[in-house]
């Protein structure tokens, strides 16, 4: 309840929702992230190309099956993270516009090369 001067206003949830929607806003939960699995084996990403929905948050789970470290890097995704040998990392990715986003292994760029395609 809001009081100003001699007037008292009582707001219900429905009224607040109506005001928010009338103002062009939206009410709801944040979008759930889509998880994408990648692995590194013999200094190569598997799969080399992955597809994901555009305009939705993503989570990359990268498992390094090699005994040596690799650095997951992507200038277009703005990510640079080392994956130790025999370990797994998780990377949060912002919602992406439709397009192709190259990634590579910085330590073995000649073989560790791939792309994420947002569509």
PDB file of N, CA and C in Angstrom:
ATOM      1  N   UNK A   1       0.840  -1.166   0.000  1.00  0.00           N
ATOM      2  CA  UNK A   1       0.000   0.000   0.000  1.00  0.00           C
ATOM      3  C   UNK A   1       0.892   1.238   0.000  1.00  0.00           C
ATOM      4  N   UNK A   2       0.518   2.189  -0.815  1.00  0.00           N
ATOM      5  CA  UNK A   2       1.275   3.435  -0.944  1.00  0.00           C
ATOM      6  C   UNK A   2       0.393   4.573  -0.473  1.00  0.00           C
ATOM      7  N   UNK A   3       0.922   5.446   0.361  1.00  0.00           N
ATOM      8  CA  UNK A   3       0.160   6.596   0.833  1.00  0.00           C
ATOM      9  C   UNK A   3       0.871   7.871   0.411  1.00  0.00           C
ATOM     10  N   UNK A   4       0.124   8.760  -0.205  1.00  0.00           N
ATOM     11  CA  UNK A   4       0.641  10.081  -0.532  1.00  0.00           C
ATOM     12  C   UNK A   4      -0.425  11.076  -0.139  1.00  0.00           C
ATOM     13  N   UNK A   5      -0.096  11.954   0.763  1.00  0.00           N
ATOM     14  CA  UNK A   5      -1.083  12.939   1.224  1.00  0.00           C
ATOM     15  C   UNK A   5      -2.295  12.240   1.808  1.00  0.00           C
ATOM     16  N   UNK A   6      -3.459  12.576   1.268  1.00  0.00           N
ATOM     17  CA  UNK A   6      -4.704  11.996   1.774  1.00  0.00           C
ATOM     18  C   UNK A   6      -5.111  10.746   1.022  1.00  0.00           C
ATOM     19  N   UNK A   7      -4.351  10.370  -0.022  1.00  0.00           N
ATOM     20  CA  UNK A   7      -4.758   9.240  -0.855  1.00  0.00           C
ATOM     21  C   UNK A   7      -3.952   7.992  -0.508  1.00  0.00           C
ATOM     22  N   UNK A   8      -4.651   6.875  -0.509  1.00  0.00           N
ATOM     23  CA  UNK A   8      -3.994   5.577  -0.277  1.00  0.00           C
ATOM     24  C   UNK A   8      -4.206   4.723  -1.525  1.00  0.00           C
ATOM     25  N   UNK A   9      -3.103   4.114  -1.979  1.00  0.00           N
ATOM     26  CA  UNK A   9      -3.171   3.268  -3.166  1.00  0.00           C
ATOM     27  C   UNK A   9      -2.830   1.840  -2.764  1.00  0.00           C
ATOM     28  N   UNK A  10      -3.609   0.915  -3.233  1.00  0.00           N
ATOM     29  CA  UNK A  10      -3.361  -0.492  -2.943  1.00  0.00           C
ATOM     30  C   UNK A  10      -3.026  -1.170  -4.287  1.00  0.00           C
ATOM     31  N   UNK A  11      -1.815  -1.738  -4.356  1.00  0.00           N
ATOM     32  CA  UNK A  11      -1.381  -2.403  -5.585  1.00  0.00           C
ATOM     33  C   UNK A  11      -1.446  -3.910  -5.392  1.00  0.00           C
ATOM     34  N   UNK A  12      -2.050  -4.584  -6.333  1.00  0.00           N
ATOM     35  CA  UNK A  12      -2.051  -6.044  -6.325  1.00  0.00           C
ATOM     36  C   UNK A  12      -1.010  -6.520  -7.319  1.00  0.00           C
ATOM     37  N   UNK A  13      -0.674  -7.767  -7.238  1.00  0.00           N
ATOM     38  CA  UNK A  13       0.287  -8.329  -8.201  1.00  0.00           C
ATOM     39  C   UNK A  13      -0.209  -8.174  -9.626  1.00  0.00           C
ATOM     40  N   UNK A  14      -1.501  -8.392  -9.825  1.00  0.00           N
ATOM     41  CA  UNK A  14      -2.071  -8.267 -11.175  1.00  0.00           C
ATOM     42  C   UNK A  14      -1.920  -6.837 -11.691  1.00  0.00           C
ATOM     43  N   UNK A  15      -2.119  -5.860 -10.815  1.00  0.00           N
ATOM     44  CA  UNK A  15      -1.981  -4.464 -11.237  1.00  0.00           C
ATOM     45  C   UNK A  15      -0.541  -4.149 -11.612  1.00  0.00           C
ATOM     46  N   UNK A  16       0.398  -4.615 -10.800  1.00  0.00           N
ATOM     47  CA  UNK A  16       1.817  -4.382 -11.096  1.00  0.00           C
ATOM     48  C   UNK A  16       2.194  -5.054 -12.403  1.00  0.00           C
ATOM     49  N   UNK A  17       1.750  -6.305 -12.600  1.00  0.00           N
ATOM     50  CA  UNK A  17       2.036  -7.013 -13.848  1.00  0.00           C
ATOM     51  C   UNK A  17       1.466  -6.243 -15.033  1.00  0.00           C
ATOM     52  N   UNK A  18       0.242  -5.745 -14.885  1.00  0.00           N
ATOM     53  CA  UNK A  18      -0.368  -4.969 -15.955  1.00  0.00           C
ATOM     54  C   UNK A  18       0.417  -3.720 -16.280  1.00  0.00           C
ATOM     55  N   UNK A  19       0.911  -3.029 -15.250  1.00  0.00           N
ATOM     56  CA  UNK A  19       1.714  -1.828 -15.474  1.00  0.00           C
ATOM     57  C   UNK A  19       3.025  -2.151 -16.188  1.00  0.00           C
ATOM     58  N   UNK A  20       3.664  -3.231 -15.786  1.00  0.00           N
ATOM     59  CA  UNK A  20       4.931  -3.617 -16.416  1.00  0.00           C
ATOM     60  C   UNK A  20       4.708  -3.970 -17.879  1.00  0.00           C
ATOM     61  N   UNK A  21       3.685  -4.767 -18.151  1.00  0.00           N
ATOM     62  CA  UNK A  21       3.430  -5.173 -19.536  1.00  0.00           C
ATOM     63  C   UNK A  21       2.976  -3.983 -20.387  1.00  0.00           C
ATOM     64  N   UNK A  22       2.192  -3.090 -19.821  1.00  0.00           N
ATOM     65  CA  UNK A  22       1.752  -1.908 -20.555  1.00  0.00           C
ATOM     66  C   UNK A  22       2.931  -1.013 -20.910  1.00  0.00           C
ATOM     67  N   UNK A  23       3.958  -1.018 -20.066  1.00  0.00           N
ATOM     68  CA  UNK A  23       5.145  -0.201 -20.323  1.00  0.00           C
ATOM     69  C   UNK A  23       6.099  -0.865 -21.308  1.00  0.00           C
ATOM     70  N   UNK A  24       5.738  -2.048 -21.796  1.00  0.00           N
ATOM     71  CA  UNK A  24       6.577  -2.715 -22.785  1.00  0.00           C
ATOM     72  C   UNK A  24       7.596  -3.650 -22.173  1.00  0.00           C
ATOM     73  N   UNK A  25       7.538  -3.890 -20.876  1.00  0.00           N
ATOM     74  CA  UNK A  25       8.477  -4.797 -20.225  1.00  0.00           C
ATOM     75  C   UNK A  25       7.972  -6.220 -20.295  1.00  0.00           C
ATOM     76  N   UNK A  26       8.717  -7.102 -19.713  1.00  0.00           N
ATOM     77  CA  UNK A  26       8.298  -8.490 -19.648  1.00  0.00           C
ATOM     78  C   UNK A  26       8.613  -9.025 -18.264  1.00  0.00           C
ATOM     79  N   UNK A  27       7.824  -9.971 -17.856  1.00  0.00           N
ATOM     80  CA  UNK A  27       8.024 -10.603 -16.566  1.00  0.00           C
ATOM     81  C   UNK A  27       8.239 -12.080 -16.816  1.00  0.00           C
ATOM     82  N   UNK A  28       9.242 -12.655 -16.201  1.00  0.00           N
ATOM     83  CA  UNK A  28       9.496 -14.079 -16.377  1.00  0.00           C
ATOM     84  C   UNK A  28      10.879 -14.419 -15.904  1.00  0.00           C
ATOM     85  N   UNK A  29      11.171 -15.699 -15.971  1.00  0.00           N
ATOM     86  CA  UNK A  29      12.488 -16.151 -15.548  1.00  0.00           C
ATOM     87  C   UNK A  29      13.494 -15.944 -16.672  1.00  0.00           C
ATOM     88  N   UNK A  30      14.742 -15.845 -16.293  1.00  0.00           N
ATOM     89  CA  UNK A  30      15.810 -15.712 -17.284  1.00  0.00           C
ATOM     90  C   UNK A  30      15.865 -16.985 -18.120  1.00  0.00           C
ATOM     91  N   UNK A  31      16.315 -16.839 -19.354  1.00  0.00           N
ATOM     92  CA  UNK A  31      16.423 -18.002 -20.232  1.00  0.00           C
ATOM     93  C   UNK A  31      17.420 -18.999 -19.663  1.00  0.00           C
ATOM     94  N   UNK A  32      17.083 -20.258 -19.776  1.00  0.00           N
ATOM     95  CA  UNK A  32      17.991 -21.320 -19.354  1.00  0.00           C
ATOM     96  C   UNK A  32      19.104 -21.453 -20.388  1.00  0.00           C
ATOM     97  N   UNK A  33      20.298 -21.695 -19.914  1.00  0.00           N
ATOM     98  CA  UNK A  33      21.446 -21.858 -20.805  1.00  0.00           C
ATOM     99  C   UNK A  33      21.412 -23.236 -21.457  1.00  0.00           C
ATOM    100  N   UNK A  34      21.849 -23.291 -22.698  1.00  0.00           N
ATOM    101  CA  UNK A  34      21.989 -24.544 -23.437  1.00  0.00           C
ATOM    102  C   UNK A  34      23.414 -25.036 -23.233  1.00  0.00           C
ATOM    103  N   UNK A  35      23.565 -26.306 -22.869  1.00  0.00           N
ATOM    104  CA  UNK A  35      24.895 -26.873 -22.636  1.00  0.00           C
ATOM    105  C   UNK A  35      25.400 -27.571 -23.888  1.00  0.00           C
ATOM    106  N   UNK A  36      26.643 -27.280 -24.232  1.00  0.00           N
ATOM    107  CA  UNK A  36      27.297 -27.887 -25.393  1.00  0.00           C
ATOM    108  C   UNK A  36      28.537 -28.620 -24.899  1.00  0.00           C
ATOM    109  N   UNK A  37      28.662 -29.884 -25.268  1.00  0.00           N
ATOM    110  CA  UNK A  37      29.789 -30.717 -24.858  1.00  0.00           C
ATOM    111  C   UNK A  37      30.841 -30.763 -25.966  1.00  0.00           C
ATOM    112  N   UNK A  38      32.080 -30.554 -25.585  1.00  0.00           N
ATOM    113  CA  UNK A  38      33.221 -30.709 -26.487  1.00  0.00           C
ATOM    114  C   UNK A  38      34.268 -31.542 -25.767  1.00  0.00           C
ATOM    115  N   UNK A  39      35.071 -32.245 -26.548  1.00  0.00           N
ATOM    116  CA  UNK A  39      36.222 -32.916 -25.949  1.00  0.00           C
ATOM    117  C   UNK A  39      37.449 -32.637 -26.805  1.00  0.00           C
ATOM    118  N   UNK A  40      38.597 -32.833 -26.189  1.00  0.00           N
ATOM    119  CA  UNK A  40      39.876 -32.680 -26.888  1.00  0.00           C
ATOM    120  C   UNK A  40      40.563 -34.029 -26.816  1.00  0.00           C
ATOM    121  N   UNK A  41      40.884 -34.582 -27.965  1.00  0.00           N
ATOM    122  CA  UNK A  41      41.572 -35.872 -28.041  1.00  0.00           C
ATOM    123  C   UNK A  41      42.570 -35.806 -29.177  1.00  0.00           C
ATOM    124  N   UNK A  42      43.811 -36.197 -28.893  1.00  0.00           N
ATOM    125  CA  UNK A  42      44.888 -36.133 -29.891  1.00  0.00           C
ATOM    126  C   UNK A  42      45.028 -34.709 -30.449  1.00  0.00           C
ATOM    127  N   UNK A  43      44.866 -33.726 -29.573  1.00  0.00           N
ATOM    128  CA  UNK A  43      44.996 -32.308 -29.913  1.00  0.00           C
ATOM    129  C   UNK A  43      43.992 -31.873 -30.978  1.00  0.00           C
ATOM    130  N   UNK A  44      42.801 -32.462 -30.949  1.00  0.00           N
ATOM    131  CA  UNK A  44      41.710 -32.104 -31.866  1.00  0.00           C
ATOM    132  C   UNK A  44      40.415 -31.972 -31.072  1.00  0.00           C
ATOM    133  N   UNK A  45      39.585 -31.002 -31.468  1.00  0.00           N
ATOM    134  CA  UNK A  45      38.278 -30.872 -30.844  1.00  0.00           C
ATOM    135  C   UNK A  45      37.326 -31.879 -31.461  1.00  0.00           C
ATOM    136  N   UNK A  46      36.493 -32.454 -30.618  1.00  0.00           N
ATOM    137  CA  UNK A  46      35.477 -33.394 -31.076  1.00  0.00           C
ATOM    138  C   UNK A  46      34.150 -32.987 -30.456  1.00  0.00           C
ATOM    139  N   UNK A  47      33.142 -32.658 -31.213  1.00  0.00           N
ATOM    140  CA  UNK A  47      33.143 -32.466 -32.659  1.00  0.00           C
ATOM    141  C   UNK A  47      33.848 -31.152 -33.029  1.00  0.00           C
ATOM    142  N   UNK A  48      34.204 -31.036 -34.281  1.00  0.00           N
ATOM    143  CA  UNK A  48      34.908 -29.827 -34.726  1.00  0.00           C
ATOM    144  C   UNK A  48      33.935 -28.675 -34.984  1.00  0.00           C
ATOM    145  N   UNK A  49      32.666 -29.015 -35.173  1.00  0.00           N
ATOM    146  CA  UNK A  49      31.661 -27.996 -35.423  1.00  0.00           C
ATOM    147  C   UNK A  49      30.427 -28.316 -34.581  1.00  0.00           C
ATOM    148  N   UNK A  50      29.957 -27.322 -33.836  1.00  0.00           N
ATOM    149  CA  UNK A  50      28.758 -27.494 -33.013  1.00  0.00           C
ATOM    150  C   UNK A  50      27.755 -26.405 -33.348  1.00  0.00           C
ATOM    151  N   UNK A  51      26.489 -26.728 -33.204  1.00  0.00           N
ATOM    152  CA  UNK A  51      25.415 -25.773 -33.470  1.00  0.00           C
ATOM    153  C   UNK A  51      24.691 -25.468 -32.165  1.00  0.00           C
ATOM    154  N   UNK A  52      24.263 -24.219 -32.048  1.00  0.00           N
ATOM    155  CA  UNK A  52      23.577 -23.768 -30.846  1.00  0.00           C
ATOM    156  C   UNK A  52      22.528 -22.745 -31.234  1.00  0.00           C
ATOM    157  N   UNK A  53      21.496 -22.601 -30.415  1.00  0.00           N
ATOM    158  CA  UNK A  53      20.497 -21.575 -30.722  1.00  0.00           C
ATOM    159  C   UNK A  53      21.078 -20.172 -30.525  1.00  0.00           C
ATOM    160  N   UNK A  54      20.742 -19.291 -31.441  1.00  0.00           N
ATOM    161  CA  UNK A  54      21.166 -17.887 -31.312  1.00  0.00           C
ATOM    162  C   UNK A  54      20.344 -17.211 -30.222  1.00  0.00           C
ATOM    163  N   UNK A  55      20.871 -16.125 -29.697  1.00  0.00           N
ATOM    164  CA  UNK A  55      20.161 -15.279 -28.724  1.00  0.00           C
ATOM    165  C   UNK A  55      19.759 -16.014 -27.455  1.00  0.00           C
ATOM    166  N   UNK A  56      20.562 -16.987 -27.061  1.00  0.00           N
ATOM    167  CA  UNK A  56      20.298 -17.740 -25.841  1.00  0.00           C
ATOM    168  C   UNK A  56      21.627 -17.991 -25.138  1.00  0.00           C
ATOM    169  N   UNK A  57      21.672 -17.908 -23.805  1.00  0.00           N
ATOM    170  CA  UNK A  57      22.933 -18.165 -23.103  1.00  0.00           C
ATOM    171  C   UNK A  57      23.397 -19.604 -23.330  1.00  0.00           C
ATOM    172  N   UNK A  58      24.707 -19.784 -23.335  1.00  0.00           N
ATOM    173  CA  UNK A  58      25.296 -21.105 -23.572  1.00  0.00           C
ATOM    174  C   UNK A  58      26.273 -21.450 -22.462  1.00  0.00           C
ATOM    175  N   UNK A  59      26.471 -22.741 -22.269  1.00  0.00           N
ATOM    176  CA  UNK A  59      27.505 -23.255 -21.388  1.00  0.00           C
ATOM    177  C   UNK A  59      28.314 -24.247 -22.203  1.00  0.00           C
ATOM    178  N   UNK A  60      29.611 -24.000 -22.329  1.00  0.00           N
ATOM    179  CA  UNK A  60      30.502 -24.945 -22.996  1.00  0.00           C
ATOM    180  C   UNK A  60      31.160 -25.807 -21.928  1.00  0.00           C
ATOM    181  N   UNK A  61      31.064 -27.118 -22.077  1.00  0.00           N
ATOM    182  CA  UNK A  61      31.772 -28.057 -21.203  1.00  0.00           C
ATOM    183  C   UNK A  61      32.827 -28.717 -22.068  1.00  0.00           C
ATOM    184  N   UNK A  62      34.074 -28.484 -21.714  1.00  0.00           N
ATOM    185  CA  UNK A  62      35.182 -28.978 -22.532  1.00  0.00           C
ATOM    186  C   UNK A  62      36.002 -29.938 -21.695  1.00  0.00           C
ATOM    187  N   UNK A  63      36.086 -31.170 -22.165  1.00  0.00           N
ATOM    188  CA  UNK A  63      36.843 -32.212 -21.462  1.00  0.00           C
ATOM    189  C   UNK A  63      38.104 -32.526 -22.262  1.00  0.00           C
ATOM    190  N   UNK A  64      39.244 -32.414 -21.606  1.00  0.00           N
ATOM    191  CA  UNK A  64      40.521 -32.706 -22.249  1.00  0.00           C
ATOM    192  C   UNK A  64      40.889 -34.160 -21.959  1.00  0.00           C
ATOM    193  N   UNK A  65      40.808 -35.002 -22.966  1.00  0.00           N
ATOM    194  CA  UNK A  65      41.127 -36.420 -22.819  1.00  0.00           C
ATOM    195  C   UNK A  65      42.614 -36.690 -23.007  1.00  0.00           C
ATOM    196  N   UNK A  66      43.354 -35.679 -23.409  1.00  0.00           N
ATOM    197  CA  UNK A  66      44.808 -35.812 -23.566  1.00  0.00           C
ATOM    198  C   UNK A  66      45.494 -35.622 -22.216  1.00  0.00           C
ATOM    199  N   UNK A  67      46.708 -36.147 -22.067  1.00  0.00           N
ATOM    200  CA  UNK A  67      47.433 -35.946 -20.808  1.00  0.00           C
ATOM    201  C   UNK A  67      48.089 -34.569 -20.704  1.00  0.00           C
ATOM    202  N   UNK A  68      48.154 -33.839 -21.814  1.00  0.00           N
ATOM    203  CA  UNK A  68      48.798 -32.520 -21.828  1.00  0.00           C
ATOM    204  C   UNK A  68      47.741 -31.417 -21.863  1.00  0.00           C
ATOM    205  N   UNK A  69      48.079 -30.230 -21.378  1.00  0.00           N
ATOM    206  CA  UNK A  69      47.099 -29.134 -21.376  1.00  0.00           C
ATOM    207  C   UNK A  69      46.849 -28.583 -22.778  1.00  0.00           C
ATOM    208  N   UNK A  70      45.707 -27.928 -22.912  1.00  0.00           N
ATOM    209  CA  UNK A  70      45.362 -27.216 -24.141  1.00  0.00           C
ATOM    210  C   UNK A  70      44.670 -25.926 -23.715  1.00  0.00           C
ATOM    211  N   UNK A  71      44.831 -24.897 -24.521  1.00  0.00           N
ATOM    212  CA  UNK A  71      44.155 -23.639 -24.223  1.00  0.00           C
ATOM    213  C   UNK A  71      43.021 -23.446 -25.211  1.00  0.00           C
ATOM    214  N   UNK A  72      41.789 -23.426 -24.701  1.00  0.00           N
ATOM    215  CA  UNK A  72      40.628 -23.127 -25.533  1.00  0.00           C
ATOM    216  C   UNK A  72      40.608 -21.625 -25.746  1.00  0.00           C
ATOM    217  N   UNK A  73      40.640 -21.219 -26.994  1.00  0.00           N
ATOM    218  CA  UNK A  73      40.681 -19.788 -27.287  1.00  0.00           C
ATOM    219  C   UNK A  73      39.745 -19.458 -28.435  1.00  0.00           C
ATOM    220  N   UNK A  74      39.103 -18.290 -28.326  1.00  0.00           N
ATOM    221  CA  UNK A  74      38.260 -17.779 -29.390  1.00  0.00           C
ATOM    222  C   UNK A  74      38.203 -16.268 -29.274  1.00  0.00           C
ATOM    223  N   UNK A  75      38.677 -15.593 -30.288  1.00  0.00           N
ATOM    224  CA  UNK A  75      38.612 -14.130 -30.280  1.00  0.00           C
ATOM    225  C   UNK A  75      37.171 -13.667 -30.437  1.00  0.00           C
ATOM    226  N   UNK A  76      36.401 -14.359 -31.292  1.00  0.00           N
ATOM    227  CA  UNK A  76      35.019 -13.942 -31.542  1.00  0.00           C
ATOM    228  C   UNK A  76      34.104 -14.224 -30.356  1.00  0.00           C
ATOM    229  N   UNK A  77      34.396 -15.255 -29.572  1.00  0.00           N
ATOM    230  CA  UNK A  77      33.621 -15.538 -28.355  1.00  0.00           C
ATOM    231  C   UNK A  77      34.177 -14.799 -27.139  1.00  0.00           C
ATOM    232  N   UNK A  78      35.366 -14.220 -27.304  1.00  0.00           N
ATOM    233  CA  UNK A  78      36.071 -13.518 -26.226  1.00  0.00           C
ATOM    234  C   UNK A  78      36.354 -14.446 -25.044  1.00  0.00           C
ATOM    235  N   UNK A  79      36.975 -15.599 -25.382  1.00  0.00           N
ATOM    236  CA  UNK A  79      37.290 -16.607 -24.362  1.00  0.00           C
ATOM    237  C   UNK A  79      38.728 -17.063 -24.546  1.00  0.00           C
ATOM    238  N   UNK A  80      39.398 -17.281 -23.426  1.00  0.00           N
ATOM    239  CA  UNK A  80      40.753 -17.832 -23.416  1.00  0.00           C
ATOM    240  C   UNK A  80      40.910 -18.555 -22.079  1.00  0.00           C
ATOM    241  N   UNK A  81      40.942 -19.895 -22.127  1.00  0.00           N
ATOM    242  CA  UNK A  81      40.991 -20.644 -20.877  1.00  0.00           C
ATOM    243  C   UNK A  81      41.753 -21.957 -21.074  1.00  0.00           C
ATOM    244  N   UNK A  82      42.658 -22.249 -20.144  1.00  0.00           N
ATOM    245  CA  UNK A  82      43.456 -23.473 -20.200  1.00  0.00           C
ATOM    246  C   UNK A  82      42.638 -24.641 -19.666  1.00  0.00           C
ATOM    247  N   UNK A  83      42.731 -25.778 -20.380  1.00  0.00           N
ATOM    248  CA  UNK A  83      42.116 -27.028 -19.939  1.00  0.00           C
ATOM    249  C   UNK A  83      43.267 -27.978 -19.635  1.00  0.00           C
ATOM    250  N   UNK A  84      43.514 -28.235 -18.369  1.00  0.00           N
ATOM    251  CA  UNK A  84      44.602 -29.141 -17.990  1.00  0.00           C
ATOM    252  C   UNK A  84      44.350 -30.529 -18.553  1.00  0.00           C
ATOM    253  N   UNK A  85      45.430 -31.297 -18.721  1.00  0.00           N
ATOM    254  CA  UNK A  85      45.302 -32.661 -19.200  1.00  0.00           C
ATOM    255  C   UNK A  85      44.424 -33.482 -18.265  1.00  0.00           C
ATOM    256  N   UNK A  86      43.510 -34.261 -18.838  1.00  0.00           N
ATOM    257  CA  UNK A  86      42.639 -35.114 -18.050  1.00  0.00           C
ATOM    258  C   UNK A  86      41.618 -34.381 -17.204  1.00  0.00           C
ATOM    259  N   UNK A  87      41.303 -33.136 -17.540  1.00  0.00           N
ATOM    260  CA  UNK A  87      40.334 -32.384 -16.735  1.00  0.00           C
ATOM    261  C   UNK A  87      39.231 -31.816 -17.619  1.00  0.00           C
ATOM    262  N   UNK A  88      38.282 -31.162 -16.965  1.00  0.00           N
ATOM    263  CA  UNK A  88      37.143 -30.571 -17.664  1.00  0.00           C
ATOM    264  C   UNK A  88      36.916 -29.155 -17.148  1.00  0.00           C
ATOM    265  N   UNK A  89      36.533 -28.261 -18.061  1.00  0.00           N
ATOM    266  CA  UNK A  89      36.194 -26.894 -17.673  1.00  0.00           C
ATOM    267  C   UNK A  89      34.787 -26.565 -18.159  1.00  0.00           C
ATOM    268  N   UNK A  90      34.235 -25.529 -17.564  1.00  0.00           N
ATOM    269  CA  UNK A  90      32.931 -25.010 -17.966  1.00  0.00           C
ATOM    270  C   UNK A  90      33.105 -23.527 -18.268  1.00  0.00           C
ATOM    271  N   UNK A  91      32.551 -23.097 -19.398  1.00  0.00           N
ATOM    272  CA  UNK A  91      32.639 -21.696 -19.810  1.00  0.00           C
ATOM    273  C   UNK A  91      31.230 -21.185 -20.082  1.00  0.00           C
ATOM    274  N   UNK A  92      30.883 -20.075 -19.458  1.00  0.00           N
ATOM    275  CA  UNK A  92      29.597 -19.411 -19.693  1.00  0.00           C
ATOM    276  C   UNK A  92      29.752 -18.483 -20.901  1.00  0.00           C
ATOM    277  N   UNK A  93      28.819 -18.589 -21.854  1.00  0.00           N
ATOM    278  CA  UNK A  93      28.853 -17.756 -23.054  1.00  0.00           C
ATOM    279  C   UNK A  93      27.571 -16.914 -23.099  1.00  0.00           C
ATOM    280  N   UNK A  94      27.742 -15.629 -23.354  1.00  0.00           N
ATOM    281  CA  UNK A  94      26.606 -14.724 -23.473  1.00  0.00           C
ATOM    282  C   UNK A  94      25.729 -15.136 -24.662  1.00  0.00           C
ATOM    283  N   UNK A  95      24.488 -14.695 -24.724  1.00  0.00           N
ATOM    284  CA  UNK A  95      23.673 -14.960 -25.915  1.00  0.00           C
ATOM    285  C   UNK A  95      24.374 -14.408 -27.159  1.00  0.00           C
ATOM    286  N   UNK A  96      24.400 -15.201 -28.199  1.00  0.00           N
ATOM    287  CA  UNK A  96      25.117 -14.843 -29.421  1.00  0.00           C
ATOM    288  C   UNK A  96      24.161 -14.491 -30.546  1.00  0.00           C
ATOM    289  N   UNK A  97      24.563 -13.541 -31.361  1.00  0.00           N
ATOM    290  CA  UNK A  97      23.839 -13.279 -32.599  1.00  0.00           C
ATOM    291  C   UNK A  97      24.074 -14.439 -33.548  1.00  0.00           C
ATOM    292  N   UNK A  98      23.172 -14.657 -34.507  1.00  0.00           N
ATOM    293  CA  UNK A  98      23.415 -15.717 -35.487  1.00  0.00           C
ATOM    294  C   UNK A  98      24.761 -15.492 -36.180  1.00  0.00           C
ATOM    295  N   UNK A  99      25.489 -16.570 -36.389  1.00  0.00           N
ATOM    296  CA  UNK A  99      26.777 -16.468 -37.057  1.00  0.00           C
ATOM    297  C   UNK A  99      27.690 -17.629 -36.721  1.00  0.00           C
ATOM    298  N   UNK A 100      28.890 -17.556 -37.249  1.00  0.00           N
ATOM    299  CA  UNK A 100      29.912 -18.593 -37.048  1.00  0.00           C
ATOM    300  C   UNK A 100      31.006 -18.015 -36.158  1.00  0.00           C
ATOM    301  N   UNK A 101      31.349 -18.748 -35.101  1.00  0.00           N
ATOM    302  CA  UNK A 101      32.336 -18.310 -34.121  1.00  0.00           C
ATOM    303  C   UNK A 101      33.456 -19.350 -34.053  1.00  0.00           C
ATOM    304  N   UNK A 102      34.619 -18.977 -34.526  1.00  0.00           N
ATOM    305  CA  UNK A 102      35.754 -19.894 -34.561  1.00  0.00           C
ATOM    306  C   UNK A 102      36.372 -20.036 -33.168  1.00  0.00           C
ATOM    307  N   UNK A 103      36.810 -21.270 -32.848  1.00  0.00           N
ATOM    308  CA  UNK A 103      37.599 -21.510 -31.645  1.00  0.00           C
ATOM    309  C   UNK A 103      38.762 -22.414 -32.020  1.00  0.00           C
ATOM    310  N   UNK A 104      39.793 -22.408 -31.200  1.00  0.00           N
ATOM    311  CA  UNK A 104      40.971 -23.218 -31.499  1.00  0.00           C
ATOM    312  C   UNK A 104      41.743 -23.491 -30.220  1.00  0.00           C
ATOM    313  N   UNK A 105      42.641 -24.456 -30.315  1.00  0.00           N
ATOM    314  CA  UNK A 105      43.547 -24.756 -29.218  1.00  0.00           C
ATOM    315  C   UNK A 105      44.821 -23.961 -29.431  1.00  0.00           C
ATOM    316  N   UNK A 106      45.097 -23.046 -28.538  1.00  0.00           N
ATOM    317  CA  UNK A 106      46.243 -22.153 -28.731  1.00  0.00           C
ATOM    318  C   UNK A 106      47.569 -22.901 -28.725  1.00  0.00           C
ATOM    319  N   UNK A 107      47.648 -24.022 -28.015  1.00  0.00           N
ATOM    320  CA  UNK A 107      48.907 -24.770 -27.960  1.00  0.00           C
ATOM    321  C   UNK A 107      49.105 -25.677 -29.182  1.00  0.00           C
ATOM    322  N   UNK A 108      48.026 -26.020 -29.875  1.00  0.00           N
ATOM    323  CA  UNK A 108      48.095 -26.898 -31.065  1.00  0.00           C
ATOM    324  C   UNK A 108      47.134 -26.380 -32.134  1.00  0.00           C
ATOM    325  N   UNK A 109      47.298 -25.129 -32.503  1.00  0.00           N
ATOM    326  CA  UNK A 109      46.374 -24.492 -33.440  1.00  0.00           C
ATOM    327  C   UNK A 109      46.330 -25.189 -34.801  1.00  0.00           C
ATOM    328  N   UNK A 110      47.414 -25.886 -35.171  1.00  0.00           N
ATOM    329  CA  UNK A 110      47.434 -26.574 -36.463  1.00  0.00           C
ATOM    330  C   UNK A 110      46.443 -27.728 -36.525  1.00  0.00           C
ATOM    331  N   UNK A 111      46.087 -28.332 -35.374  1.00  0.00           N
ATOM    332  CA  UNK A 111      45.144 -29.451 -35.372  1.00  0.00           C
ATOM    333  C   UNK A 111      43.870 -29.169 -34.568  1.00  0.00           C
ATOM    334  N   UNK A 112      43.972 -28.379 -33.523  1.00  0.00           N
ATOM    335  CA  UNK A 112      42.814 -28.108 -32.655  1.00  0.00           C
ATOM    336  C   UNK A 112      42.083 -26.882 -33.165  1.00  0.00           C
ATOM    337  N   UNK A 113      41.100 -27.103 -34.026  1.00  0.00           N
ATOM    338  CA  UNK A 113      40.390 -26.019 -34.682  1.00  0.00           C
ATOM    339  C   UNK A 113      38.916 -26.396 -34.783  1.00  0.00           C
ATOM    340  N   UNK A 114      38.026 -25.444 -34.535  1.00  0.00           N
ATOM    341  CA  UNK A 114      36.602 -25.749 -34.623  1.00  0.00           C
ATOM    342  C   UNK A 114      35.773 -24.486 -34.745  1.00  0.00           C
ATOM    343  N   UNK A 115      34.443 -24.692 -34.745  1.00  0.00           N
ATOM    344  CA  UNK A 115      33.531 -23.559 -34.863  1.00  0.00           C
ATOM    345  C   UNK A 115      32.228 -23.852 -34.141  1.00  0.00           C
ATOM    346  N   UNK A 116      31.664 -22.793 -33.576  1.00  0.00           N
ATOM    347  CA  UNK A 116      30.343 -22.824 -32.986  1.00  0.00           C
ATOM    348  C   UNK A 116      29.449 -22.011 -33.920  1.00  0.00           C
ATOM    349  N   UNK A 117      28.353 -22.606 -34.355  1.00  0.00           N
ATOM    350  CA  UNK A 117      27.454 -21.916 -35.271  1.00  0.00           C
ATOM    351  C   UNK A 117      26.152 -21.626 -34.519  1.00  0.00           C
ATOM    352  N   UNK A 118      25.874 -20.343 -34.341  1.00  0.00           N
ATOM    353  CA  UNK A 118      24.647 -19.916 -33.675  1.00  0.00           C
ATOM    354  C   UNK A 118      23.601 -19.655 -34.757  1.00  0.00           C
ATOM    355  N   UNK A 119      22.465 -20.340 -34.626  1.00  0.00           N
ATOM    356  CA  UNK A 119      21.396 -20.176 -35.637  1.00  0.00           C
ATOM    357  C   UNK A 119      20.037 -20.115 -35.003  1.00  0.00           C
TER     358      UNK A 119
END
